[in-house]
N, C-alpha and C. Protein backbone atom coordinates (compact mmCIF):
# COMPACT_ATOMS: atom_id res chain seq x y z
N GLU A 1 -119.40 -82.81 -1.91
CA GLU A 1 -118.41 -82.50 -1.07
C GLU A 1 -118.86 -82.68 0.31
N PRO A 2 -118.08 -83.67 1.01
CA PRO A 2 -118.44 -84.24 2.68
C PRO A 2 -119.00 -83.00 3.48
N HIS A 3 -118.00 -81.94 3.38
CA HIS A 3 -118.71 -80.96 4.38
C HIS A 3 -120.03 -80.43 4.26
N LEU A 4 -120.62 -80.61 3.07
CA LEU A 4 -121.96 -80.05 2.78
C LEU A 4 -123.25 -80.95 3.60
N LEU A 5 -122.41 -81.99 4.20
CA LEU A 5 -123.53 -82.76 4.89
C LEU A 5 -123.13 -82.77 6.39
N ILE A 6 -122.64 -81.94 6.52
CA ILE A 6 -122.10 -81.52 7.92
C ILE A 6 -122.68 -80.58 8.67
N SER A 7 -123.92 -80.88 9.53
CA SER A 7 -124.92 -80.06 10.24
C SER A 7 -124.07 -78.76 11.13
N ASP A 8 -123.47 -79.79 11.86
CA ASP A 8 -123.00 -78.83 13.08
C ASP A 8 -121.55 -78.99 12.79
N VAL A 9 -120.92 -77.80 12.40
CA VAL A 9 -119.30 -77.41 12.05
C VAL A 9 -118.65 -77.27 13.34
N SER A 10 -119.21 -77.78 14.37
CA SER A 10 -118.58 -77.91 15.86
C SER A 10 -118.03 -79.23 16.31
N GLN A 11 -118.65 -79.90 15.24
CA GLN A 11 -118.58 -81.39 15.83
C GLN A 11 -117.72 -82.11 14.72
N SER A 12 -116.76 -82.67 14.74
CA SER A 12 -116.01 -83.50 13.87
C SER A 12 -116.76 -84.70 13.10
N PRO A 13 -116.57 -84.83 11.53
CA PRO A 13 -117.39 -85.65 11.31
C PRO A 13 -116.43 -87.15 11.83
N PHE A 14 -115.19 -87.19 12.40
CA PHE A 14 -114.75 -88.19 12.48
C PHE A 14 -114.77 -88.90 13.62
N ASN A 15 -115.73 -88.35 14.64
CA ASN A 15 -116.29 -88.92 15.99
C ASN A 15 -116.61 -90.35 15.85
N VAL A 16 -115.82 -91.32 16.07
CA VAL A 16 -116.13 -92.82 16.30
C VAL A 16 -115.76 -93.16 17.29
N GLY A 17 -116.58 -94.19 17.68
CA GLY A 17 -115.93 -95.07 19.08
C GLY A 17 -117.32 -95.60 19.85
N THR A 18 -117.28 -96.08 20.88
CA THR A 18 -118.29 -96.80 21.64
C THR A 18 -118.65 -95.43 22.65
N LYS A 19 -120.10 -95.51 22.52
CA LYS A 19 -120.68 -94.47 23.55
C LYS A 19 -121.07 -95.22 24.73
N LEU A 20 -120.58 -94.53 25.82
CA LEU A 20 -120.40 -95.18 27.12
C LEU A 20 -121.75 -94.45 27.62
N VAL A 21 -122.73 -94.71 28.41
CA VAL A 21 -123.54 -94.15 29.00
C VAL A 21 -123.55 -94.89 30.90
N LEU A 22 -123.04 -93.70 31.26
CA LEU A 22 -122.85 -93.38 33.15
C LEU A 22 -124.46 -93.32 33.71
N PRO A 23 -124.65 -94.20 34.39
CA PRO A 23 -125.85 -94.02 35.12
C PRO A 23 -125.53 -92.87 36.29
N ASP A 24 -126.56 -92.34 36.55
CA ASP A 24 -126.54 -91.30 38.01
C ASP A 24 -126.36 -92.63 39.31
N PHE A 25 -125.70 -91.99 40.09
CA PHE A 25 -125.23 -92.59 41.22
C PHE A 25 -126.61 -92.80 42.23
N THR A 26 -126.28 -93.85 42.86
CA THR A 26 -127.54 -94.33 43.82
C THR A 26 -126.88 -93.54 45.14
N ALA A 27 -128.01 -93.36 46.25
CA ALA A 27 -127.70 -92.69 47.36
C ALA A 27 -126.33 -93.42 48.17
N ALA A 28 -126.38 -94.92 48.18
CA ALA A 28 -125.26 -95.76 48.55
C ALA A 28 -123.79 -95.24 47.65
N GLN A 29 -123.99 -95.33 46.52
CA GLN A 29 -122.75 -94.83 45.82
C GLN A 29 -122.17 -93.66 45.95
N LEU A 30 -123.22 -92.64 46.63
CA LEU A 30 -122.38 -91.27 46.74
C LEU A 30 -122.27 -91.31 47.96
N ALA A 31 -122.65 -92.11 49.07
CA ALA A 31 -122.21 -92.25 50.26
C ALA A 31 -120.79 -92.78 50.39
N GLU A 32 -120.40 -93.59 49.55
CA GLU A 32 -119.12 -94.15 49.24
C GLU A 32 -118.47 -93.24 48.73
N LEU A 33 -118.64 -92.41 47.27
CA LEU A 33 -117.82 -91.62 47.07
C LEU A 33 -117.29 -90.73 47.92
N ASN A 34 -118.39 -90.01 48.83
CA ASN A 34 -118.40 -89.03 49.82
C ASN A 34 -117.11 -89.62 50.76
N GLY A 35 -117.09 -91.00 51.04
CA GLY A 35 -116.11 -91.42 51.89
C GLY A 35 -114.91 -91.35 51.46
N ARG A 36 -114.61 -91.68 50.20
CA ARG A 36 -113.38 -91.72 49.21
C ARG A 36 -112.79 -90.45 49.01
N TYR A 37 -113.57 -89.20 49.50
CA TYR A 37 -113.22 -87.96 49.35
C TYR A 37 -112.95 -87.44 50.88
N ARG A 38 -112.96 -88.46 51.90
CA ARG A 38 -112.74 -88.03 53.17
C ARG A 38 -113.66 -87.00 53.73
N ALA A 39 -115.25 -87.47 53.34
CA ALA A 39 -116.53 -87.27 54.04
C ALA A 39 -116.50 -85.62 54.16
N PRO A 40 -116.51 -84.80 53.09
CA PRO A 40 -116.91 -83.40 53.29
C PRO A 40 -118.52 -83.31 53.54
N LEU A 41 -119.47 -84.19 53.42
CA LEU A 41 -120.51 -84.25 53.43
C LEU A 41 -120.76 -84.68 54.94
N THR A 42 -121.81 -84.90 55.56
CA THR A 42 -122.00 -85.45 56.76
C THR A 42 -123.41 -86.27 56.50
N ASP A 43 -123.53 -87.15 57.26
CA ASP A 43 -124.92 -88.29 56.87
C ASP A 43 -126.12 -87.55 56.48
N ALA A 44 -125.99 -86.51 57.26
CA ALA A 44 -127.71 -85.51 57.14
C ALA A 44 -127.57 -84.91 56.06
N GLU A 45 -126.59 -84.66 55.47
CA GLU A 45 -125.93 -83.58 54.18
C GLU A 45 -126.25 -84.39 52.95
N LEU A 46 -125.90 -85.72 52.85
CA LEU A 46 -126.39 -86.61 51.59
C LEU A 46 -127.77 -86.82 51.17
N PRO A 47 -128.95 -86.67 51.88
CA PRO A 47 -129.82 -86.61 50.78
C PRO A 47 -130.44 -85.47 50.39
N GLU A 48 -130.01 -84.28 50.85
CA GLU A 48 -129.95 -82.98 49.97
C GLU A 48 -129.04 -82.80 48.89
N PHE A 49 -127.88 -83.20 48.73
CA PHE A 49 -126.92 -83.33 47.91
C PHE A 49 -127.43 -84.01 46.75
N LEU A 50 -128.01 -85.62 47.31
CA LEU A 50 -128.57 -86.09 45.96
C LEU A 50 -129.56 -85.50 45.22
N GLU A 51 -130.69 -84.84 46.02
CA GLU A 51 -131.73 -84.32 45.60
C GLU A 51 -131.45 -82.96 44.63
N LEU A 52 -130.43 -82.43 45.00
CA LEU A 52 -130.14 -81.22 44.03
C LEU A 52 -129.02 -81.59 43.05
N LEU A 53 -128.42 -82.51 43.13
CA LEU A 53 -127.29 -83.19 42.00
C LEU A 53 -128.08 -84.14 41.05
N GLY A 54 -129.04 -84.76 41.72
CA GLY A 54 -129.68 -86.08 41.18
C GLY A 54 -128.70 -87.26 41.04
N GLY A 55 -127.55 -87.12 41.66
CA GLY A 55 -126.67 -88.60 41.54
C GLY A 55 -125.44 -88.39 40.08
N HIS A 56 -125.77 -87.11 39.56
CA HIS A 56 -125.23 -86.60 38.13
C HIS A 56 -123.57 -87.08 38.52
N PRO A 57 -123.16 -87.76 37.89
CA PRO A 57 -121.74 -88.25 38.09
C PRO A 57 -120.62 -87.21 37.88
N TYR A 58 -120.55 -86.42 37.03
CA TYR A 58 -119.90 -85.17 36.74
C TYR A 58 -120.08 -84.19 38.05
N LEU A 59 -121.23 -83.71 38.09
CA LEU A 59 -121.61 -82.98 38.91
C LEU A 59 -121.29 -82.99 40.44
N SER A 60 -121.38 -84.37 41.02
CA SER A 60 -121.09 -85.03 42.28
C SER A 60 -119.88 -85.12 42.47
N ASN A 61 -118.88 -85.69 41.44
CA ASN A 61 -117.49 -85.62 41.87
C ASN A 61 -117.15 -83.93 41.55
N ARG A 62 -117.64 -83.08 41.12
CA ARG A 62 -117.18 -81.16 41.00
C ARG A 62 -117.41 -80.96 42.53
N ALA A 63 -118.47 -81.26 42.90
CA ALA A 63 -119.10 -80.75 44.17
C ALA A 63 -118.54 -81.36 45.34
N LEU A 64 -117.79 -82.51 45.62
CA LEU A 64 -117.12 -83.01 46.16
C LEU A 64 -115.36 -82.59 46.27
N TYR A 65 -114.85 -82.53 44.92
CA TYR A 65 -113.71 -81.95 44.96
C TYR A 65 -113.74 -80.62 45.43
N THR A 66 -114.27 -79.54 45.03
CA THR A 66 -114.66 -78.30 45.43
C THR A 66 -114.94 -78.08 46.74
N MET A 67 -115.64 -79.13 47.43
CA MET A 67 -115.75 -78.75 49.14
C MET A 67 -114.71 -79.31 49.86
N LEU A 68 -113.80 -80.43 49.09
CA LEU A 68 -112.70 -80.69 49.90
C LEU A 68 -111.37 -79.62 49.45
N ASN A 69 -111.16 -79.58 48.39
CA ASN A 69 -109.92 -78.34 47.90
C ASN A 69 -110.38 -76.88 48.47
N ASP A 70 -111.62 -76.51 48.04
CA ASP A 70 -111.58 -74.97 48.10
C ASP A 70 -112.09 -74.89 49.69
N GLN A 71 -112.36 -75.91 50.78
CA GLN A 71 -112.94 -75.72 52.06
C GLN A 71 -114.04 -74.99 51.94
N VAL A 72 -115.26 -75.63 51.20
CA VAL A 72 -116.23 -74.64 51.11
C VAL A 72 -117.42 -75.91 51.78
N SER A 73 -118.43 -75.39 52.28
CA SER A 73 -119.28 -76.25 53.24
C SER A 73 -120.46 -76.42 52.21
N TRP A 74 -121.20 -77.42 52.85
CA TRP A 74 -122.34 -77.80 51.64
C TRP A 74 -122.84 -76.71 51.49
N GLN A 75 -123.40 -75.96 52.86
CA GLN A 75 -124.65 -74.56 52.58
C GLN A 75 -124.11 -73.81 51.95
N GLN A 76 -122.87 -73.63 51.75
CA GLN A 76 -122.19 -72.33 50.90
C GLN A 76 -122.42 -72.79 49.41
N LEU A 77 -121.91 -73.99 49.06
CA LEU A 77 -121.81 -74.60 47.71
C LEU A 77 -123.36 -74.68 47.35
N SER A 78 -124.45 -75.22 48.14
CA SER A 78 -125.78 -75.26 47.53
C SER A 78 -126.58 -73.97 47.19
N GLY A 79 -125.90 -73.14 48.13
CA GLY A 79 -126.90 -71.73 48.15
C GLY A 79 -125.86 -71.12 47.14
N SER A 80 -124.89 -71.16 46.34
CA SER A 80 -124.61 -70.50 45.17
C SER A 80 -124.24 -71.35 44.14
N ALA A 81 -125.36 -72.35 44.03
CA ALA A 81 -124.98 -73.48 43.00
C ALA A 81 -125.29 -72.86 41.54
N THR A 82 -126.37 -71.94 41.55
CA THR A 82 -126.45 -71.22 40.08
C THR A 82 -125.67 -69.99 40.04
N SER A 83 -125.04 -69.68 40.63
CA SER A 83 -124.05 -68.31 40.23
C SER A 83 -123.02 -68.70 39.64
N PRO A 84 -122.77 -67.39 39.17
CA PRO A 84 -121.17 -67.58 38.06
C PRO A 84 -119.99 -67.78 38.96
N GLN A 85 -120.16 -67.88 40.62
CA GLN A 85 -118.71 -68.05 41.11
C GLN A 85 -118.97 -69.80 41.50
N SER A 86 -120.14 -70.43 41.04
CA SER A 86 -120.57 -71.79 41.55
C SER A 86 -119.35 -72.78 40.41
N PRO A 87 -118.86 -73.71 40.87
CA PRO A 87 -117.99 -74.54 40.10
C PRO A 87 -119.20 -75.47 38.96
N PHE A 88 -120.21 -75.24 38.92
CA PHE A 88 -121.18 -75.66 38.04
C PHE A 88 -121.24 -74.95 37.19
N TYR A 89 -121.18 -73.60 37.14
CA TYR A 89 -121.81 -72.57 36.15
C TYR A 89 -120.98 -72.67 34.85
N ASP A 90 -119.85 -73.22 34.49
CA ASP A 90 -119.40 -73.68 33.02
C ASP A 90 -120.21 -74.81 32.64
N HIS A 91 -120.42 -75.49 33.28
CA HIS A 91 -121.51 -76.72 32.80
C HIS A 91 -122.51 -76.13 32.49
N LEU A 92 -123.44 -75.36 33.31
CA LEU A 92 -124.91 -74.89 33.41
C LEU A 92 -124.99 -74.18 32.05
N LYS A 93 -123.78 -73.39 31.84
CA LYS A 93 -123.76 -72.39 30.62
C LYS A 93 -123.93 -72.75 29.35
N ARG A 94 -122.92 -74.19 29.32
CA ARG A 94 -123.10 -74.97 28.39
C ARG A 94 -124.30 -75.08 27.89
N PHE A 95 -125.34 -75.71 28.77
CA PHE A 95 -126.60 -76.04 28.18
C PHE A 95 -127.37 -74.99 27.79
N LEU A 96 -127.32 -73.74 28.66
CA LEU A 96 -127.89 -72.75 27.91
C LEU A 96 -127.15 -71.96 26.22
N TRP A 97 -126.03 -72.09 26.28
CA TRP A 97 -125.88 -72.06 25.15
C TRP A 97 -126.10 -72.87 24.01
N MET A 98 -126.32 -74.35 24.05
CA MET A 98 -126.98 -75.20 23.34
C MET A 98 -128.33 -74.85 22.84
N LEU A 99 -128.86 -74.46 23.97
CA LEU A 99 -130.68 -73.94 23.76
C LEU A 99 -130.81 -72.81 22.78
N ARG A 100 -129.76 -72.24 22.80
CA ARG A 100 -129.83 -70.60 22.68
C ARG A 100 -130.42 -70.65 20.95
N ASP A 101 -130.26 -71.26 19.98
CA ASP A 101 -130.94 -71.09 18.81
C ASP A 101 -131.74 -71.95 18.45
N LYS A 102 -132.45 -72.75 19.79
CA LYS A 102 -133.53 -73.96 19.41
C LYS A 102 -134.73 -73.56 20.03
N PRO A 103 -135.73 -72.78 19.67
CA PRO A 103 -136.70 -72.54 20.28
C PRO A 103 -137.67 -73.42 20.85
N ASP A 104 -137.73 -74.65 19.57
CA ASP A 104 -138.45 -75.47 20.15
C ASP A 104 -138.18 -76.52 21.14
N LEU A 105 -137.06 -76.69 21.44
CA LEU A 105 -136.58 -77.76 22.44
C LEU A 105 -136.64 -76.49 23.78
N VAL A 106 -136.40 -75.27 23.64
CA VAL A 106 -136.88 -74.23 25.10
C VAL A 106 -138.27 -74.22 25.47
N GLU A 107 -139.15 -74.19 24.36
CA GLU A 107 -140.55 -74.54 24.52
C GLU A 107 -140.82 -76.06 25.27
N ALA A 108 -140.57 -76.88 24.75
CA ALA A 108 -140.63 -78.35 25.05
C ALA A 108 -139.92 -78.46 26.60
N LEU A 109 -138.77 -77.93 26.83
CA LEU A 109 -138.25 -77.94 28.33
C LEU A 109 -139.24 -77.00 29.35
N LYS A 110 -139.62 -75.84 28.80
CA LYS A 110 -140.55 -74.95 29.54
C LYS A 110 -141.61 -75.92 30.14
N GLU A 111 -142.37 -76.47 29.19
CA GLU A 111 -143.63 -77.38 29.05
C GLU A 111 -142.84 -78.88 30.19
N ILE A 112 -141.87 -79.35 30.21
CA ILE A 112 -141.57 -80.39 31.10
C ILE A 112 -141.31 -79.84 32.40
N MET A 113 -140.80 -78.96 32.63
CA MET A 113 -140.87 -77.89 33.93
C MET A 113 -142.18 -77.64 34.52
N ALA A 114 -143.13 -77.24 33.60
CA ALA A 114 -144.32 -76.85 34.16
C ALA A 114 -145.00 -77.83 34.45
N ARG A 115 -145.22 -78.63 33.64
CA ARG A 115 -146.36 -80.17 33.32
C ARG A 115 -145.72 -81.30 33.51
N GLY A 116 -144.38 -81.60 33.35
CA GLY A 116 -144.08 -83.20 33.58
C GLY A 116 -144.27 -83.56 32.58
N ARG A 117 -144.60 -83.06 31.47
CA ARG A 117 -144.55 -83.93 30.16
C ARG A 117 -144.17 -82.86 28.78
N CYS A 118 -144.25 -83.85 27.70
CA CYS A 118 -143.62 -83.01 26.60
C CYS A 118 -144.28 -83.71 25.54
N ALA A 119 -145.06 -82.48 24.52
CA ALA A 119 -146.03 -82.91 23.24
C ALA A 119 -145.30 -83.14 22.24
N ASP A 120 -144.05 -82.82 22.45
CA ASP A 120 -143.18 -82.89 21.18
C ASP A 120 -142.23 -84.09 21.23
N GLU A 121 -142.56 -84.97 20.85
CA GLU A 121 -141.80 -86.48 21.05
C GLU A 121 -140.16 -86.41 20.42
N VAL A 122 -140.02 -85.77 19.27
CA VAL A 122 -138.64 -85.13 18.95
C VAL A 122 -137.85 -84.48 19.76
N ALA A 123 -138.56 -83.31 20.49
CA ALA A 123 -138.03 -82.49 21.37
C ALA A 123 -137.30 -83.36 22.69
N PHE A 124 -138.52 -84.04 22.74
CA PHE A 124 -138.21 -85.19 24.21
C PHE A 124 -137.07 -86.04 24.18
N TYR A 125 -137.11 -86.58 23.14
CA TYR A 125 -135.67 -87.31 22.70
C TYR A 125 -134.59 -86.46 22.55
N ARG A 126 -134.29 -85.51 22.14
CA ARG A 126 -133.46 -84.73 21.89
C ARG A 126 -133.04 -84.41 23.52
N LEU A 127 -133.91 -83.62 24.22
CA LEU A 127 -133.29 -83.23 25.32
C LEU A 127 -133.12 -84.34 26.24
N MET A 128 -133.70 -85.50 26.22
CA MET A 128 -132.97 -87.04 26.88
C MET A 128 -131.79 -87.26 26.56
N GLN A 129 -131.63 -86.97 25.24
CA GLN A 129 -130.28 -87.51 24.76
C GLN A 129 -128.91 -86.32 25.18
N ALA A 130 -129.65 -85.25 25.39
CA ALA A 130 -128.64 -83.99 25.66
C ALA A 130 -127.98 -83.97 27.50
N GLY A 131 -129.15 -85.07 27.82
CA GLY A 131 -128.78 -85.52 29.48
C GLY A 131 -129.31 -84.33 30.30
N LEU A 132 -130.35 -83.38 29.49
CA LEU A 132 -131.25 -82.45 30.42
C LEU A 132 -132.25 -83.26 30.88
N ILE A 133 -132.92 -84.21 30.62
CA ILE A 133 -134.28 -84.07 31.22
C ILE A 133 -134.17 -85.84 31.45
N GLN A 134 -135.03 -86.54 32.57
CA GLN A 134 -135.31 -87.64 32.66
C GLN A 134 -136.52 -88.51 32.68
N GLY A 135 -136.95 -89.52 32.41
CA GLY A 135 -138.14 -90.15 32.50
C GLY A 135 -138.47 -91.48 31.73
N ALA A 136 -139.40 -91.97 32.10
CA ALA A 136 -140.15 -93.07 31.30
C ALA A 136 -140.24 -92.71 29.93
N ASP A 137 -141.31 -91.97 29.65
CA ASP A 137 -141.73 -91.01 28.28
C ASP A 137 -141.90 -89.89 28.34
N SER A 138 -142.51 -89.36 27.33
CA SER A 138 -142.77 -88.01 26.94
C SER A 138 -143.90 -87.68 27.78
N GLN A 139 -144.69 -88.60 28.51
CA GLN A 139 -145.92 -87.88 29.42
C GLN A 139 -145.63 -88.21 30.88
N SER A 140 -144.33 -88.63 31.00
CA SER A 140 -144.00 -88.74 32.45
C SER A 140 -142.54 -88.40 32.43
N CYS A 141 -141.93 -87.07 32.56
CA CYS A 141 -140.82 -86.57 32.68
C CYS A 141 -140.23 -85.59 33.37
N ALA A 142 -138.94 -85.12 33.67
CA ALA A 142 -138.88 -83.93 34.54
C ALA A 142 -137.30 -83.54 34.30
N CYS A 143 -136.76 -82.59 34.60
CA CYS A 143 -135.29 -82.14 34.56
C CYS A 143 -134.63 -83.21 35.14
N ARG A 144 -133.25 -83.65 34.59
CA ARG A 144 -132.30 -84.47 35.46
C ARG A 144 -132.22 -84.18 36.60
N CYS A 145 -132.20 -82.94 37.59
CA CYS A 145 -131.65 -82.71 38.54
C CYS A 145 -132.12 -81.37 39.09
N THR A 146 -132.08 -81.04 39.90
CA THR A 146 -133.07 -79.94 40.82
C THR A 146 -132.04 -78.92 40.42
N LEU A 147 -130.87 -78.82 40.41
CA LEU A 147 -129.76 -77.98 39.80
C LEU A 147 -130.27 -77.28 38.35
N TYR A 148 -130.80 -78.29 37.50
CA TYR A 148 -130.88 -77.73 35.97
C TYR A 148 -131.94 -77.13 35.89
N GLU A 149 -132.88 -77.41 36.94
CA GLU A 149 -134.00 -77.41 36.75
C GLU A 149 -134.16 -75.53 37.55
N ARG A 150 -133.70 -75.27 38.48
CA ARG A 150 -133.74 -74.34 39.29
C ARG A 150 -132.53 -72.90 38.19
N TYR A 151 -131.71 -73.61 37.67
CA TYR A 151 -131.01 -72.75 36.56
C TYR A 151 -131.62 -72.11 35.27
N LEU A 152 -132.39 -73.33 34.87
CA LEU A 152 -133.14 -73.24 33.25
C LEU A 152 -134.41 -72.39 33.74
N LYS A 153 -135.12 -72.72 34.81
CA LYS A 153 -136.34 -71.83 35.02
C LYS A 153 -136.01 -70.34 35.26
N ASP A 154 -134.88 -70.17 35.63
CA ASP A 154 -134.35 -68.73 35.91
C ASP A 154 -133.70 -67.92 34.49
N LYS A 155 -133.18 -68.63 33.61
CA LYS A 155 -132.29 -68.49 32.58
C LYS A 155 -133.31 -68.36 31.39
N LEU A 156 -134.72 -69.34 31.12
CA LEU A 156 -135.42 -69.24 30.18
C LEU A 156 -136.66 -68.46 29.94
N GLN A 157 -136.64 -67.80 31.17
CA GLN A 157 -137.98 -66.95 31.35
C GLN A 157 -138.33 -65.82 30.29
């Protein structure tokens, strides 16, 4: 029976297609995106924006959209970035939900946040594929962005 081979019941066995990997935005690309959103960020705020969100395409777009449509300043948005009222909260909560039954990944993530390396190669690969971490290899890695690290340090203690 095919259903016996499906380990994740929440994923369809019919997921087929081309996987697209979208790299994180550079500072120049974020400046252009900010301009396309009618510049809700000042030039002085762009480095802090990049530092918090790491150029993550979804998070960057979501932040600029929220700032423009909800008339929220960068200080307000960054100050409440991990709160339940944040436009990022559902995204962050999804990662916490994914980690809930995976103590090996939680421990690997804690090690990465504390030491910048991961002793478990399989966990490193899984966290990298999930988009939670970045790095050249398991001996030199970190959370993908400051927002992830801030949220996960608080929730995984």
